[in-house]
Amino acid sequence: MNLHEIWKYDDENHIQKLEGFILLCEMCHHIKHLGLAGILANEGKLDYNDVIKHFCKVNECKPKDFDNHEKLAFEVWSKRSQHQWKQDFGKYKEFIKQ
């Protein structure tokens, strides 16, 4: 299992707030971090087709649905990457070492 952070994004004020955490299997975690999954696949460390198959199995959908998910995820990432973001660790702030 992998611990994955859950962020809420304020796209107007460019603040990302840590809302909590969720446990994910390794493949679901790769799906949450598709950019990294692509890098790992290019390095021969991950079979990207396995990621697609897992997505389709979990979501009971077809590869074209994955393609749409992937496209949307990268569109959002591209827009958000144009800004400098502030992080709000909310109730987890006390656990952050500075």
PDB file of N, CA and C in Angstrom:
ATOM      1  N   MET A   1       0.842  -1.192   0.000  1.00  0.00           N
ATOM      2  CA  MET A   1       0.000   0.000   0.000  1.00  0.00           C
ATOM      3  C   MET A   1       0.886   1.254   0.000  1.00  0.00           C
ATOM      4  N   ASN A   2       0.382   2.293  -0.611  1.00  0.00           N
ATOM      5  CA  ASN A   2       1.073   3.583  -0.698  1.00  0.00           C
ATOM      6  C   ASN A   2       0.194   4.657  -0.074  1.00  0.00           C
ATOM      7  N   LEU A   3       0.809   5.536   0.692  1.00  0.00           N
ATOM      8  CA  LEU A   3       0.087   6.660   1.280  1.00  0.00           C
ATOM      9  C   LEU A   3       0.091   7.810   0.275  1.00  0.00           C
ATOM     10  N   HIS A   4      -1.090   8.280  -0.077  1.00  0.00           N
ATOM     11  CA  HIS A   4      -1.228   9.358  -1.064  1.00  0.00           C
ATOM     12  C   HIS A   4      -1.899  10.555  -0.405  1.00  0.00           C
ATOM     13  N   GLU A   5      -1.333  11.723  -0.648  1.00  0.00           N
ATOM     14  CA  GLU A   5      -1.884  12.951  -0.082  1.00  0.00           C
ATOM     15  C   GLU A   5      -3.075  13.430  -0.911  1.00  0.00           C
ATOM     16  N   ILE A   6      -4.046  14.017  -0.228  1.00  0.00           N
ATOM     17  CA  ILE A   6      -5.221  14.576  -0.892  1.00  0.00           C
ATOM     18  C   ILE A   6      -5.149  16.097  -0.748  1.00  0.00           C
ATOM     19  N   TRP A   7      -5.060  16.783  -1.876  1.00  0.00           N
ATOM     20  CA  TRP A   7      -4.969  18.240  -1.897  1.00  0.00           C
ATOM     21  C   TRP A   7      -6.243  18.833  -2.476  1.00  0.00           C
ATOM     22  N   LYS A   8      -6.629  19.974  -1.933  1.00  0.00           N
ATOM     23  CA  LYS A   8      -7.720  20.780  -2.502  1.00  0.00           C
ATOM     24  C   LYS A   8      -7.044  21.983  -3.157  1.00  0.00           C
ATOM     25  N   TYR A   9      -7.443  22.279  -4.383  1.00  0.00           N
ATOM     26  CA  TYR A   9      -6.801  23.361  -5.139  1.00  0.00           C
ATOM     27  C   TYR A   9      -7.725  24.555  -5.285  1.00  0.00           C
ATOM     28  N   ASP A  10      -7.211  25.715  -4.890  1.00  0.00           N
ATOM     29  CA  ASP A  10      -7.887  26.981  -5.121  1.00  0.00           C
ATOM     30  C   ASP A  10      -7.201  27.576  -6.350  1.00  0.00           C
ATOM     31  N   ASP A  11      -7.797  27.348  -7.517  1.00  0.00           N
ATOM     32  CA  ASP A  11      -7.177  27.760  -8.772  1.00  0.00           C
ATOM     33  C   ASP A  11      -7.182  29.269  -8.986  1.00  0.00           C
ATOM     34  N   GLU A  12      -7.990  29.989  -8.235  1.00  0.00           N
ATOM     35  CA  GLU A  12      -8.035  31.447  -8.372  1.00  0.00           C
ATOM     36  C   GLU A  12      -6.909  32.107  -7.576  1.00  0.00           C
ATOM     37  N   ASN A  13      -6.701  31.638  -6.332  1.00  0.00           N
ATOM     38  CA  ASN A  13      -5.683  32.224  -5.459  1.00  0.00           C
ATOM     39  C   ASN A  13      -4.388  31.428  -5.436  1.00  0.00           C
ATOM     40  N   HIS A  14      -4.357  30.316  -6.161  1.00  0.00           N
ATOM     41  CA  HIS A  14      -3.178  29.457  -6.292  1.00  0.00           C
ATOM     42  C   HIS A  14      -2.670  28.966  -4.937  1.00  0.00           C
ATOM     43  N   ILE A  15      -3.596  28.400  -4.195  1.00  0.00           N
ATOM     44  CA  ILE A  15      -3.281  27.793  -2.903  1.00  0.00           C
ATOM     45  C   ILE A  15      -3.705  26.337  -2.956  1.00  0.00           C
ATOM     46  N   GLN A  16      -2.788  25.461  -2.578  1.00  0.00           N
ATOM     47  CA  GLN A  16      -3.144  24.053  -2.460  1.00  0.00           C
ATOM     48  C   GLN A  16      -3.158  23.707  -0.979  1.00  0.00           C
ATOM     49  N   LYS A  17      -4.270  23.127  -0.537  1.00  0.00           N
ATOM     50  CA  LYS A  17      -4.447  22.816   0.879  1.00  0.00           C
ATOM     51  C   LYS A  17      -4.478  21.308   1.070  1.00  0.00           C
ATOM     52  N   LEU A  18      -3.677  20.851   2.012  1.00  0.00           N
ATOM     53  CA  LEU A  18      -3.645  19.432   2.339  1.00  0.00           C
ATOM     54  C   LEU A  18      -4.897  19.082   3.126  1.00  0.00           C
ATOM     55  N   GLU A  19      -5.719  18.216   2.537  1.00  0.00           N
ATOM     56  CA  GLU A  19      -6.998  17.843   3.147  1.00  0.00           C
ATOM     57  C   GLU A  19      -6.917  16.529   3.908  1.00  0.00           C
ATOM     58  N   GLY A  20      -5.975  15.664   3.532  1.00  0.00           N
ATOM     59  CA  GLY A  20      -5.879  14.367   4.196  1.00  0.00           C
ATOM     60  C   GLY A  20      -5.034  13.406   3.402  1.00  0.00           C
ATOM     61  N   PHE A  21      -5.220  12.139   3.721  1.00  0.00           N
ATOM     62  CA  PHE A  21      -4.431  11.084   3.099  1.00  0.00           C
ATOM     63  C   PHE A  21      -5.329   9.895   2.789  1.00  0.00           C
ATOM     64  N   ILE A  22      -4.889   9.067   1.843  1.00  0.00           N
ATOM     65  CA  ILE A  22      -5.618   7.852   1.484  1.00  0.00           C
ATOM     66  C   ILE A  22      -4.588   6.771   1.157  1.00  0.00           C
ATOM     67  N   LEU A  23      -4.917   5.536   1.488  1.00  0.00           N
ATOM     68  CA  LEU A  23      -4.070   4.415   1.105  1.00  0.00           C
ATOM     69  C   LEU A  23      -4.497   3.914  -0.264  1.00  0.00           C
ATOM     70  N   LEU A  24      -3.520   3.716  -1.146  1.00  0.00           N
ATOM     71  CA  LEU A  24      -3.771   3.220  -2.493  1.00  0.00           C
ATOM     72  C   LEU A  24      -2.836   2.051  -2.787  1.00  0.00           C
ATOM     73  N   CYS A  25      -3.290   1.143  -3.621  1.00  0.00           N
ATOM     74  CA  CYS A  25      -2.375   0.107  -4.087  1.00  0.00           C
ATOM     75  C   CYS A  25      -1.338   0.793  -4.984  1.00  0.00           C
ATOM     76  N   GLU A  26      -0.252   0.086  -5.264  1.00  0.00           N
ATOM     77  CA  GLU A  26       0.834   0.680  -6.040  1.00  0.00           C
ATOM     78  C   GLU A  26       0.371   1.178  -7.411  1.00  0.00           C
ATOM     79  N   MET A  27      -0.454   0.391  -8.104  1.00  0.00           N
ATOM     80  CA  MET A  27      -0.904   0.798  -9.443  1.00  0.00           C
ATOM     81  C   MET A  27      -1.827   2.014  -9.381  1.00  0.00           C
ATOM     82  N   CYS A  28      -2.731   2.043  -8.404  1.00  0.00           N
ATOM     83  CA  CYS A  28      -3.600   3.221  -8.259  1.00  0.00           C
ATOM     84  C   CYS A  28      -2.763   4.461  -7.948  1.00  0.00           C
ATOM     85  N   HIS A  29      -1.679   4.298  -7.196  1.00  0.00           N
ATOM     86  CA  HIS A  29      -0.809   5.423  -6.898  1.00  0.00           C
ATOM     87  C   HIS A  29      -0.121   5.915  -8.170  1.00  0.00           C
ATOM     88  N   HIS A  30       0.268   4.988  -9.042  1.00  0.00           N
ATOM     89  CA  HIS A  30       0.837   5.401 -10.333  1.00  0.00           C
ATOM     90  C   HIS A  30      -0.186   6.200 -11.139  1.00  0.00           C
ATOM     91  N   ILE A  31      -1.444   5.810 -11.072  1.00  0.00           N
ATOM     92  CA  ILE A  31      -2.493   6.528 -11.802  1.00  0.00           C
ATOM     93  C   ILE A  31      -2.640   7.947 -11.257  1.00  0.00           C
ATOM     94  N   LYS A  32      -2.509   8.114  -9.946  1.00  0.00           N
ATOM     95  CA  LYS A  32      -2.604   9.455  -9.354  1.00  0.00           C
ATOM     96  C   LYS A  32      -1.422  10.332  -9.759  1.00  0.00           C
ATOM     97  N   HIS A  33      -0.303   9.699 -10.123  1.00  0.00           N
ATOM     98  CA  HIS A  33       0.909  10.434 -10.522  1.00  0.00           C
ATOM     99  C   HIS A  33       1.308   9.993 -11.931  1.00  0.00           C
ATOM    100  N   LEU A  34       0.446  10.292 -12.907  1.00  0.00           N
ATOM    101  CA  LEU A  34       0.661   9.823 -14.272  1.00  0.00           C
ATOM    102  C   LEU A  34       1.946  10.350 -14.895  1.00  0.00           C
ATOM    103  N   GLY A  35       2.320  11.566 -14.562  1.00  0.00           N
ATOM    104  CA  GLY A  35       3.564  12.115 -15.105  1.00  0.00           C
ATOM    105  C   GLY A  35       4.755  11.290 -14.669  1.00  0.00           C
ATOM    106  N   LEU A  36       4.818  10.978 -13.388  1.00  0.00           N
ATOM    107  CA  LEU A  36       5.902  10.138 -12.867  1.00  0.00           C
ATOM    108  C   LEU A  36       5.819   8.736 -13.461  1.00  0.00           C
ATOM    109  N   ALA A  37       4.601   8.210 -13.606  1.00  0.00           N
ATOM    110  CA  ALA A  37       4.427   6.884 -14.208  1.00  0.00           C
ATOM    111  C   ALA A  37       5.006   6.866 -15.623  1.00  0.00           C
ATOM    112  N   GLY A  38       4.787   7.929 -16.372  1.00  0.00           N
ATOM    113  CA  GLY A  38       5.342   8.023 -17.719  1.00  0.00           C
ATOM    114  C   GLY A  38       6.856   8.049 -17.717  1.00  0.00           C
ATOM    115  N   ILE A  39       7.429   8.777 -16.770  1.00  0.00           N
ATOM    116  CA  ILE A  39       8.890   8.825 -16.652  1.00  0.00           C
ATOM    117  C   ILE A  39       9.433   7.442 -16.323  1.00  0.00           C
ATOM    118  N   LEU A  40       8.818   6.780 -15.341  1.00  0.00           N
ATOM    119  CA  LEU A  40       9.256   5.438 -14.962  1.00  0.00           C
ATOM    120  C   LEU A  40       9.129   4.462 -16.131  1.00  0.00           C
ATOM    121  N   ALA A  41       8.067   4.597 -16.903  1.00  0.00           N
ATOM    122  CA  ALA A  41       7.880   3.736 -18.075  1.00  0.00           C
ATOM    123  C   ALA A  41       8.978   3.984 -19.106  1.00  0.00           C
ATOM    124  N   ASN A  42       9.308   5.247 -19.335  1.00  0.00           N
ATOM    125  CA  ASN A  42      10.375   5.584 -20.291  1.00  0.00           C
ATOM    126  C   ASN A  42      11.735   5.065 -19.839  1.00  0.00           C
ATOM    127  N   GLU A  43      11.913   4.934 -18.529  1.00  0.00           N
ATOM    128  CA  GLU A  43      13.169   4.406 -17.984  1.00  0.00           C
ATOM    129  C   GLU A  43      13.165   2.879 -17.910  1.00  0.00           C
ATOM    130  N   GLY A  44      12.062   2.249 -18.331  1.00  0.00           N
ATOM    131  CA  GLY A  44      11.961   0.806 -18.292  1.00  0.00           C
ATOM    132  C   GLY A  44      11.666   0.241 -16.908  1.00  0.00           C
ATOM    133  N   LYS A  45      11.204   1.099 -15.996  1.00  0.00           N
ATOM    134  CA  LYS A  45      10.933   0.681 -14.620  1.00  0.00           C
ATOM    135  C   LYS A  45       9.469   0.368 -14.364  1.00  0.00           C
ATOM    136  N   LEU A  46       8.619   0.614 -15.347  1.00  0.00           N
ATOM    137  CA  LEU A  46       7.182   0.408 -15.197  1.00  0.00           C
ATOM    138  C   LEU A  46       6.592   0.160 -16.580  1.00  0.00           C
ATOM    139  N   ASP A  47       5.646  -0.753 -16.643  1.00  0.00           N
ATOM    140  CA  ASP A  47       4.924  -0.990 -17.896  1.00  0.00           C
ATOM    141  C   ASP A  47       3.668  -0.117 -17.878  1.00  0.00           C
ATOM    142  N   TYR A  48       3.669   0.924 -18.693  1.00  0.00           N
ATOM    143  CA  TYR A  48       2.553   1.872 -18.713  1.00  0.00           C
ATOM    144  C   TYR A  48       1.253   1.191 -19.122  1.00  0.00           C
ATOM    145  N   ASN A  49       1.353   0.158 -19.951  1.00  0.00           N
ATOM    146  CA  ASN A  49       0.147  -0.584 -20.335  1.00  0.00           C
ATOM    147  C   ASN A  49      -0.498  -1.255 -19.131  1.00  0.00           C
ATOM    148  N   ASP A  50       0.311  -1.667 -18.153  1.00  0.00           N
ATOM    149  CA  ASP A  50      -0.241  -2.243 -16.922  1.00  0.00           C
ATOM    150  C   ASP A  50      -1.024  -1.187 -16.138  1.00  0.00           C
ATOM    151  N   VAL A  51      -0.542   0.047 -16.173  1.00  0.00           N
ATOM    152  CA  VAL A  51      -1.250   1.147 -15.504  1.00  0.00           C
ATOM    153  C   VAL A  51      -2.608   1.361 -16.167  1.00  0.00           C
ATOM    154  N   ILE A  52      -2.619   1.370 -17.493  1.00  0.00           N
ATOM    155  CA  ILE A  52      -3.863   1.556 -18.242  1.00  0.00           C
ATOM    156  C   ILE A  52      -4.838   0.411 -17.946  1.00  0.00           C
ATOM    157  N   LYS A  53      -4.344  -0.810 -17.982  1.00  0.00           N
ATOM    158  CA  LYS A  53      -5.195  -1.974 -17.706  1.00  0.00           C
ATOM    159  C   LYS A  53      -5.788  -1.900 -16.303  1.00  0.00           C
ATOM    160  N   HIS A  54      -4.971  -1.500 -15.334  1.00  0.00           N
ATOM    161  CA  HIS A  54      -5.457  -1.398 -13.959  1.00  0.00           C
ATOM    162  C   HIS A  54      -6.542  -0.329 -13.842  1.00  0.00           C
ATOM    163  N   PHE A  55      -6.310   0.825 -14.452  1.00  0.00           N
ATOM    164  CA  PHE A  55      -7.302   1.901 -14.450  1.00  0.00           C
ATOM    165  C   PHE A  55      -8.631   1.398 -15.004  1.00  0.00           C
ATOM    166  N   CYS A  56      -8.555   0.697 -16.126  1.00  0.00           N
ATOM    167  CA  CYS A  56      -9.775   0.206 -16.779  1.00  0.00           C
ATOM    168  C   CYS A  56     -10.472  -0.852 -15.931  1.00  0.00           C
ATOM    169  N   LYS A  57      -9.706  -1.693 -15.278  1.00  0.00           N
ATOM    170  CA  LYS A  57     -10.303  -2.724 -14.421  1.00  0.00           C
ATOM    171  C   LYS A  57     -10.999  -2.099 -13.222  1.00  0.00           C
ATOM    172  N   VAL A  58     -10.311  -1.201 -12.532  1.00  0.00           N
ATOM    173  CA  VAL A  58     -10.862  -0.573 -11.331  1.00  0.00           C
ATOM    174  C   VAL A  58     -12.091   0.268 -11.653  1.00  0.00           C
ATOM    175  N   ASN A  59     -12.050   0.970 -12.772  1.00  0.00           N
ATOM    176  CA  ASN A  59     -13.140   1.878 -13.146  1.00  0.00           C
ATOM    177  C   ASN A  59     -14.164   1.250 -14.089  1.00  0.00           C
ATOM    178  N   GLU A  60     -13.954  -0.035 -14.410  1.00  0.00           N
ATOM    179  CA  GLU A  60     -14.856  -0.751 -15.312  1.00  0.00           C
ATOM    180  C   GLU A  60     -15.111   0.065 -16.580  1.00  0.00           C
ATOM    181  N   CYS A  61     -14.020   0.394 -17.245  1.00  0.00           N
ATOM    182  CA  CYS A  61     -14.127   1.227 -18.444  1.00  0.00           C
ATOM    183  C   CYS A  61     -13.188   0.712 -19.528  1.00  0.00           C
ATOM    184  N   LYS A  62     -13.135   1.420 -20.608  1.00  0.00           N
ATOM    185  CA  LYS A  62     -12.321   1.042 -21.762  1.00  0.00           C
ATOM    186  C   LYS A  62     -11.080   1.939 -21.855  1.00  0.00           C
ATOM    187  N   PRO A  63     -10.057   1.478 -22.592  1.00  0.00           N
ATOM    188  CA  PRO A  63      -8.837   2.294 -22.737  1.00  0.00           C
ATOM    189  C   PRO A  63      -9.096   3.719 -23.223  1.00  0.00           C
ATOM    190  N   LYS A  64     -10.128   3.926 -24.061  1.00  0.00           N
ATOM    191  CA  LYS A  64     -10.420   5.301 -24.520  1.00  0.00           C
ATOM    192  C   LYS A  64     -10.822   6.183 -23.340  1.00  0.00           C
ATOM    193  N   ASP A  65     -11.454   5.590 -22.303  1.00  0.00           N
ATOM    194  CA  ASP A  65     -11.804   6.353 -21.105  1.00  0.00           C
ATOM    195  C   ASP A  65     -10.537   6.754 -20.340  1.00  0.00           C
ATOM    196  N   PHE A  66      -9.561   5.847 -20.320  1.00  0.00           N
ATOM    197  CA  PHE A  66      -8.269   6.200 -19.727  1.00  0.00           C
ATOM    198  C   PHE A  66      -7.637   7.348 -20.500  1.00  0.00           C
ATOM    199  N   ASP A  67      -7.673   7.261 -21.825  1.00  0.00           N
ATOM    200  CA  ASP A  67      -7.096   8.325 -22.663  1.00  0.00           C
ATOM    201  C   ASP A  67      -7.715   9.678 -22.322  1.00  0.00           C
ATOM    202  N   ASN A  68      -9.034   9.711 -22.141  1.00  0.00           N
ATOM    203  CA  ASN A  68      -9.711  10.959 -21.774  1.00  0.00           C
ATOM    204  C   ASN A  68      -9.274  11.439 -20.400  1.00  0.00           C
ATOM    205  N   HIS A  69      -9.159  10.500 -19.444  1.00  0.00           N
ATOM    206  CA  HIS A  69      -8.707  10.847 -18.090  1.00  0.00           C
ATOM    207  C   HIS A  69      -7.292  11.427 -18.137  1.00  0.00           C
ATOM    208  N   GLU A  70      -6.425  10.756 -18.876  1.00  0.00           N
ATOM    209  CA  GLU A  70      -5.028  11.193 -18.995  1.00  0.00           C
ATOM    210  C   GLU A  70      -4.944  12.584 -19.627  1.00  0.00           C
ATOM    211  N   LYS A  71      -5.691  12.795 -20.691  1.00  0.00           N
ATOM    212  CA  LYS A  71      -5.690  14.095 -21.378  1.00  0.00           C
ATOM    213  C   LYS A  71      -6.136  15.210 -20.436  1.00  0.00           C
ATOM    214  N   LEU A  72      -7.230  14.980 -19.723  1.00  0.00           N
ATOM    215  CA  LEU A  72      -7.733  15.980 -18.784  1.00  0.00           C
ATOM    216  C   LEU A  72      -6.731  16.241 -17.661  1.00  0.00           C
ATOM    217  N   ALA A  73      -6.133  15.177 -17.134  1.00  0.00           N
ATOM    218  CA  ALA A  73      -5.163  15.333 -16.043  1.00  0.00           C
ATOM    219  C   ALA A  73      -3.993  16.209 -16.482  1.00  0.00           C
ATOM    220  N   PHE A  74      -3.491  15.997 -17.689  1.00  0.00           N
ATOM    221  CA  PHE A  74      -2.360  16.799 -18.164  1.00  0.00           C
ATOM    222  C   PHE A  74      -2.772  18.218 -18.534  1.00  0.00           C
ATOM    223  N   GLU A  75      -4.008  18.416 -18.955  1.00  0.00           N
ATOM    224  CA  GLU A  75      -4.499  19.777 -19.212  1.00  0.00           C
ATOM    225  C   GLU A  75      -4.545  20.568 -17.904  1.00  0.00           C
ATOM    226  N   VAL A  76      -5.062  19.944 -16.849  1.00  0.00           N
ATOM    227  CA  VAL A  76      -5.133  20.604 -15.538  1.00  0.00           C
ATOM    228  C   VAL A  76      -3.720  20.889 -15.038  1.00  0.00           C
ATOM    229  N   TRP A  77      -2.843  19.900 -15.137  1.00  0.00           N
ATOM    230  CA  TRP A  77      -1.454  20.077 -14.693  1.00  0.00           C
ATOM    231  C   TRP A  77      -0.780  21.222 -15.459  1.00  0.00           C
ATOM    232  N   SER A  78      -1.000  21.282 -16.763  1.00  0.00           N
ATOM    233  CA  SER A  78      -0.386  22.323 -17.585  1.00  0.00           C
ATOM    234  C   SER A  78      -0.842  23.719 -17.146  1.00  0.00           C
ATOM    235  N   LYS A  79      -2.134  23.878 -16.896  1.00  0.00           N
ATOM    236  CA  LYS A  79      -2.657  25.176 -16.443  1.00  0.00           C
ATOM    237  C   LYS A  79      -2.102  25.544 -15.065  1.00  0.00           C
ATOM    238  N   ARG A  80      -2.134  24.584 -14.144  1.00  0.00           N
ATOM    239  CA  ARG A  80      -1.682  24.863 -12.780  1.00  0.00           C
ATOM    240  C   ARG A  80      -0.187  25.126 -12.725  1.00  0.00           C
ATOM    241  N   SER A  81       0.564  24.525 -13.630  1.00  0.00           N
ATOM    242  CA  SER A  81       2.022  24.687 -13.629  1.00  0.00           C
ATOM    243  C   SER A  81       2.464  26.078 -14.072  1.00  0.00           C
ATOM    244  N   GLN A  82       1.557  26.873 -14.562  1.00  0.00           N
ATOM    245  CA  GLN A  82       1.891  28.219 -15.002  1.00  0.00           C
ATOM    246  C   GLN A  82       1.952  29.213 -13.845  1.00  0.00           C
ATOM    247  N   HIS A  83       1.620  28.756 -12.643  1.00  0.00           N
ATOM    248  CA  HIS A  83       1.534  29.653 -11.492  1.00  0.00           C
ATOM    249  C   HIS A  83       2.427  29.188 -10.351  1.00  0.00           C
ATOM    250  N   GLN A  84       2.802  30.135  -9.528  1.00  0.00           N
ATOM    251  CA  GLN A  84       3.500  29.829  -8.280  1.00  0.00           C
ATOM    252  C   GLN A  84       2.427  29.527  -7.241  1.00  0.00           C
ATOM    253  N   TRP A  85       2.532  28.391  -6.580  1.00  0.00           N
ATOM    254  CA  TRP A  85       1.521  27.962  -5.629  1.00  0.00           C
ATOM    255  C   TRP A  85       2.005  28.101  -4.198  1.00  0.00           C
ATOM    256  N   LYS A  86       1.076  28.429  -3.314  1.00  0.00           N
ATOM    257  CA  LYS A  86       1.334  28.427  -1.877  1.00  0.00           C
ATOM    258  C   LYS A  86       0.727  27.154  -1.320  1.00  0.00           C
ATOM    259  N   GLN A  87       1.371  26.602  -0.319  1.00  0.00           N
ATOM    260  CA  GLN A  87       0.845  25.393   0.312  1.00  0.00           C
ATOM    261  C   GLN A  87       0.291  25.715   1.678  1.00  0.00           C
ATOM    262  N   ASP A  88      -0.878  25.177   1.940  1.00  0.00           N
ATOM    263  CA  ASP A  88      -1.535  25.284   3.239  1.00  0.00           C
ATOM    264  C   ASP A  88      -1.647  23.856   3.775  1.00  0.00           C
ATOM    265  N   PHE A  89      -0.930  23.572   4.849  1.00  0.00           N
ATOM    266  CA  PHE A  89      -0.932  22.222   5.394  1.00  0.00           C
ATOM    267  C   PHE A  89      -2.053  21.996   6.403  1.00  0.00           C
ATOM    268  N   GLY A  90      -2.897  23.020   6.600  1.00  0.00           N
ATOM    269  CA  GLY A  90      -4.077  22.886   7.443  1.00  0.00           C
ATOM    270  C   GLY A  90      -3.762  22.253   8.781  1.00  0.00           C
ATOM    271  N   LYS A  91      -4.572  21.304   9.183  1.00  0.00           N
ATOM    272  CA  LYS A  91      -4.417  20.676  10.493  1.00  0.00           C
ATOM    273  C   LYS A  91      -3.161  19.816  10.591  1.00  0.00           C
ATOM    274  N   TYR A  92      -2.460  19.612   9.471  1.00  0.00           N
ATOM    275  CA  TYR A  92      -1.224  18.821   9.464  1.00  0.00           C
ATOM    276  C   TYR A  92       0.022  19.680   9.649  1.00  0.00           C
ATOM    277  N   LYS A  93      -0.158  21.005   9.737  1.00  0.00           N
ATOM    278  CA  LYS A  93       0.957  21.929   9.815  1.00  0.00           C
ATOM    279  C   LYS A  93       1.903  21.616  10.981  1.00  0.00           C
ATOM    280  N   GLU A  94       1.349  21.199  12.105  1.00  0.00           N
ATOM    281  CA  GLU A  94       2.165  20.924  13.278  1.00  0.00           C
ATOM    282  C   GLU A  94       3.133  19.752  13.073  1.00  0.00           C
ATOM    283  N   PHE A  95       2.886  18.942  12.046  1.00  0.00           N
ATOM    284  CA  PHE A  95       3.742  17.786  11.773  1.00  0.00           C
ATOM    285  C   PHE A  95       4.841  18.075  10.749  1.00  0.00           C
ATOM    286  N   ILE A  96       4.856  19.278  10.219  1.00  0.00           N
ATOM    287  CA  ILE A  96       5.832  19.663   9.186  1.00  0.00           C
ATOM    288  C   ILE A  96       7.055  20.255   9.860  1.00  0.00           C
ATOM    289  N   LYS A  97       8.224  19.689   9.543  1.00  0.00           N
ATOM    290  CA  LYS A  97       9.488  20.244  10.037  1.00  0.00           C
ATOM    291  C   LYS A  97       9.946  21.324   9.082  1.00  0.00           C
ATOM    292  N   GLN A  98      10.327  22.463   9.635  1.00  0.00           N
ATOM    293  CA  GLN A  98      10.771  23.571   8.771  1.00  0.00           C
ATOM    294  C   GLN A  98      12.189  23.933   9.048  1.00  0.00           C
TER     295      GLN A  98
END
